[in-house]
Amino acid sequence: MTLTRRSAPPLFASLAILWLGAGARAADAPAQYTLDPAKSSLEFSFTQAGAQNKGQFSRYPVSFAFSPDAASGRLEVTIEVGSLDTGDQERDETLRGADMFAVAKYPQARFLATQFAKTATGYEAIGKLTVRGVTHDARVPFTFRTATEAGAIVGYMVGKTSLKRLDYGVGQADWKATDQVGNDVGVSFALRLVPAAH
């Protein structure tokens, strides 16, 4: 009498394949994060009358889904432009005004990236930036690391980039000139990201 290995019942085999496939998808799924605003910063720098100045935004919700291999992910940052603060009330009102950010008409700026690339120093988010109703392609370099804090995995995203304000129409009438306010604007961020609620 010859002994032969019995094959798994078709139903059991199908369930096993489905279970293994679902497990693989879960392992590959990017982690989902949202912003911890109390421990994050989004700042900008510019030249005014030959002097370097800085400002910051206080409201900028972030939604981030990311896999460390940069194979998949999504980054969305929505900046409430009216929350800008440069430490000078008169200057802030000018920046919010119709000739600069035109906050009354364009209350939000937005960066949306659905592609990521690894670089020698970290990563790059590849997407589109919309400011004052004008959209351009943008590539934003950043570093990203995770840490376990209070039993939860949190993320830290740090980076900086630059843009030209006139490319987005920030500067109308007399403010198109760059002798008083420079065209180059630096943007830097240090974000603490916590697991998104499901």
Protein backbone atom coordinates (compact mmCIF):
# COMPACT_ATOMS: atom_id res chain seq x y z
CA MET A 1 0.00 0.00 0.00
CA THR A 2 1.46 3.32 -1.04
CA LEU A 3 1.07 6.36 1.18
CA THR A 4 0.36 9.63 -0.58
CA ARG A 5 0.10 13.18 0.80
CA ARG A 6 -3.43 14.39 0.70
CA SER A 7 -3.82 17.78 -0.92
CA ALA A 8 -5.47 20.52 1.08
CA PRO A 9 -9.18 20.87 0.43
CA PRO A 10 -9.80 23.51 -2.25
CA LEU A 11 -11.80 25.72 0.12
CA PHE A 12 -9.06 25.68 2.77
CA ALA A 13 -6.38 26.47 0.18
CA SER A 14 -8.39 29.40 -1.16
CA LEU A 15 -8.92 30.84 2.32
CA ALA A 16 -5.22 30.48 3.09
CA ILE A 17 -4.26 32.34 -0.08
CA LEU A 18 -6.70 35.14 0.71
CA TRP A 19 -5.43 35.42 4.28
CA LEU A 20 -1.77 35.51 3.20
CA GLY A 21 -2.54 38.06 0.51
CA ALA A 22 -4.39 40.30 2.97
CA GLY A 23 -1.48 40.05 5.39
CA ALA A 24 0.98 41.09 2.70
CA ARG A 25 -1.17 44.06 1.74
CA ALA A 26 -1.42 45.14 5.38
CA ALA A 27 2.34 44.92 5.79
CA ASP A 28 2.89 47.00 2.65
CA ALA A 29 0.24 49.59 3.48
CA PRO A 30 1.73 52.99 4.31
CA ALA A 31 1.39 54.23 7.87
CA GLN A 32 -1.15 57.02 8.36
CA TYR A 33 -0.24 60.16 10.31
CA THR A 34 -1.72 63.50 11.24
CA LEU A 35 -0.14 66.64 12.67
CA ASP A 36 0.66 67.34 16.32
CA PRO A 37 0.42 71.15 16.03
CA ALA A 38 1.68 71.84 19.56
CA LYS A 39 5.05 70.28 18.74
CA SER A 40 5.45 71.35 15.10
CA SER A 41 6.52 74.44 13.20
CA LEU A 42 6.14 75.82 9.69
CA GLU A 43 8.27 78.91 9.08
CA PHE A 44 9.17 81.17 6.18
CA SER A 45 12.02 83.64 5.63
CA PHE A 46 12.36 86.61 3.31
CA THR A 47 14.46 89.69 2.69
CA GLN A 48 12.95 93.10 3.38
CA ALA A 49 14.94 96.31 2.92
CA GLY A 50 18.13 94.25 2.83
CA ALA A 51 17.44 92.53 6.16
CA GLN A 52 16.50 88.90 6.74
CA ASN A 53 13.09 88.40 8.35
CA LYS A 54 11.17 85.37 9.52
CA GLY A 55 7.56 84.43 9.99
CA GLN A 56 5.48 81.40 10.79
CA PHE A 57 2.06 79.90 10.24
CA SER A 58 0.06 78.62 13.19
CA ARG A 59 -2.62 76.62 11.34
CA TYR A 60 -1.63 74.06 8.71
CA PRO A 61 -3.35 70.65 8.99
CA VAL A 62 -1.26 67.77 7.66
CA SER A 63 -2.32 64.36 6.39
CA PHE A 64 0.55 61.96 5.69
CA ALA A 65 0.63 58.35 4.53
CA PHE A 66 4.09 56.94 3.96
CA SER A 67 6.07 53.75 3.51
CA PRO A 68 9.81 54.04 4.26
CA ASP A 69 10.72 52.51 0.89
CA ALA A 70 9.02 55.55 -0.73
CA ALA A 71 7.04 53.18 -2.95
CA SER A 72 3.73 54.64 -1.89
CA GLY A 73 2.33 57.52 0.09
CA ARG A 74 0.45 60.78 0.13
CA LEU A 75 1.23 64.13 1.73
CA GLU A 76 -1.32 66.92 1.97
CA VAL A 77 -0.64 70.20 3.76
CA THR A 78 -3.34 72.86 3.90
CA ILE A 79 -2.04 76.21 5.14
CA GLU A 80 -4.43 78.77 6.57
CA VAL A 81 -2.57 81.77 5.16
CA GLY A 82 -4.28 84.23 7.48
CA SER A 83 -2.52 82.56 10.42
CA LEU A 84 0.83 84.05 9.34
CA ASP A 85 2.80 85.95 11.97
CA THR A 86 6.02 87.88 11.36
CA GLY A 87 6.02 89.70 14.68
CA ASP A 88 4.93 92.98 13.09
CA GLN A 89 1.18 93.66 12.94
CA GLU A 90 1.35 96.25 10.16
CA ARG A 91 3.52 94.01 8.00
CA ASP A 92 1.22 91.05 8.66
CA GLU A 93 -1.80 93.05 7.48
CA THR A 94 0.10 94.01 4.33
CA LEU A 95 0.98 90.36 3.67
CA ARG A 96 -2.67 89.37 4.11
CA GLY A 97 -3.82 92.15 1.80
CA ALA A 98 -4.98 92.06 -1.82
CA ASP A 99 -1.56 92.84 -3.33
CA MET A 100 0.24 90.04 -1.49
CA PHE A 101 -1.45 86.79 -0.33
CA ALA A 102 -4.99 88.14 -0.88
CA VAL A 103 -6.25 86.10 2.06
CA ALA A 104 -9.85 87.26 1.67
CA LYS A 105 -9.99 85.63 -1.78
CA TYR A 106 -7.45 82.85 -1.31
CA PRO A 107 -7.57 81.83 2.37
CA GLN A 108 -5.59 78.62 1.89
CA ALA A 109 -2.39 77.46 0.26
CA ARG A 110 -2.01 73.75 -0.42
CA PHE A 111 0.73 71.25 -1.14
CA LEU A 112 -0.28 67.81 -2.38
CA ALA A 113 2.23 65.07 -3.18
CA THR A 114 1.42 61.53 -4.28
CA GLN A 115 4.95 60.57 -5.38
CA PHE A 116 8.08 60.18 -3.30
CA ALA A 117 11.70 59.48 -4.12
CA LYS A 118 14.66 58.43 -2.02
CA THR A 119 17.63 60.78 -2.05
CA ALA A 120 21.16 60.66 -0.66
CA THR A 121 20.05 62.51 2.46
CA GLY A 122 16.45 61.36 2.88
CA TYR A 123 13.40 61.72 0.67
CA GLU A 124 11.71 64.08 -1.74
CA ALA A 125 7.98 64.73 -1.99
CA ILE A 126 6.93 65.35 -5.59
CA GLY A 127 3.67 67.17 -6.08
CA LYS A 128 1.95 70.48 -6.69
CA LEU A 129 1.91 73.67 -4.64
CA THR A 130 -1.00 76.09 -4.91
CA VAL A 131 -0.65 79.62 -3.55
CA ARG A 132 -2.98 82.52 -4.32
CA GLY A 133 -4.85 80.33 -6.81
CA VAL A 134 -1.70 79.58 -8.84
CA THR A 135 -0.40 76.00 -9.04
CA HIS A 136 3.11 74.86 -9.93
CA ASP A 137 5.01 71.58 -9.71
CA ALA A 138 7.11 71.39 -6.56
CA ARG A 139 9.69 69.03 -5.10
CA VAL A 140 10.21 69.24 -1.34
CA PRO A 141 13.18 67.47 0.30
CA PHE A 142 12.76 66.09 3.80
CA THR A 143 14.00 63.60 6.33
CA PHE A 144 11.68 61.26 8.17
CA ARG A 145 12.17 59.06 11.19
CA THR A 146 9.89 57.25 13.58
CA ALA A 147 10.07 56.79 17.34
CA THR A 148 8.02 54.93 19.91
CA GLU A 149 6.57 57.32 22.47
CA ALA A 150 4.03 56.33 25.13
CA GLY A 151 3.48 53.07 23.31
CA ALA A 152 2.67 54.69 19.95
CA ILE A 153 4.80 55.12 16.85
CA VAL A 154 5.18 58.80 15.96
CA GLY A 155 6.97 60.38 13.03
CA TYR A 156 9.28 63.36 12.69
CA MET A 157 9.47 65.13 9.33
CA VAL A 158 12.05 67.90 8.86
CA GLY A 159 12.94 69.80 5.73
CA LYS A 160 13.31 73.06 3.89
CA THR A 161 12.84 74.41 0.40
CA SER A 162 12.58 77.72 -1.42
CA LEU A 163 10.25 79.34 -3.90
CA LYS A 164 9.85 82.60 -5.78
CA ARG A 165 6.88 84.59 -4.56
CA LEU A 166 6.23 86.27 -7.92
CA ASP A 167 5.74 82.84 -9.56
CA TYR A 168 2.56 82.63 -7.48
CA GLY A 169 1.45 86.23 -7.91
CA VAL A 170 2.39 87.18 -4.36
CA GLY A 171 3.25 90.78 -5.12
CA GLN A 172 0.98 92.97 -7.19
CA ALA A 173 1.21 96.66 -8.10
CA ASP A 174 4.16 98.24 -6.27
CA TRP A 175 4.95 94.93 -4.57
CA LYS A 176 6.04 93.36 -7.87
CA ALA A 177 9.34 95.17 -7.39
CA THR A 178 11.99 93.18 -5.56
CA ASP A 179 14.13 96.05 -4.30
CA GLN A 180 12.24 96.23 -0.99
CA VAL A 181 10.95 92.65 -0.63
CA GLY A 182 13.04 89.93 -2.26
CA ASN A 183 11.58 87.41 -4.67
CA ASP A 184 13.10 84.39 -2.92
CA VAL A 185 11.22 82.93 0.05
CA GLY A 186 12.60 80.15 2.20
CA VAL A 187 10.28 77.60 3.79
CA SER A 188 11.30 75.29 6.64
CA PHE A 189 9.31 72.81 8.68
CA ALA A 190 9.75 70.51 11.65
CA LEU A 191 6.66 68.36 12.09
CA ARG A 192 5.71 65.87 14.76
CA LEU A 193 3.21 63.42 13.32
CA VAL A 194 0.99 61.10 15.32
CA PRO A 195 -1.03 58.06 14.21
CA ALA A 196 -4.23 59.08 12.46
CA ALA A 197 -7.47 58.06 14.13
CA HIS A 198 -9.36 55.35 12.24
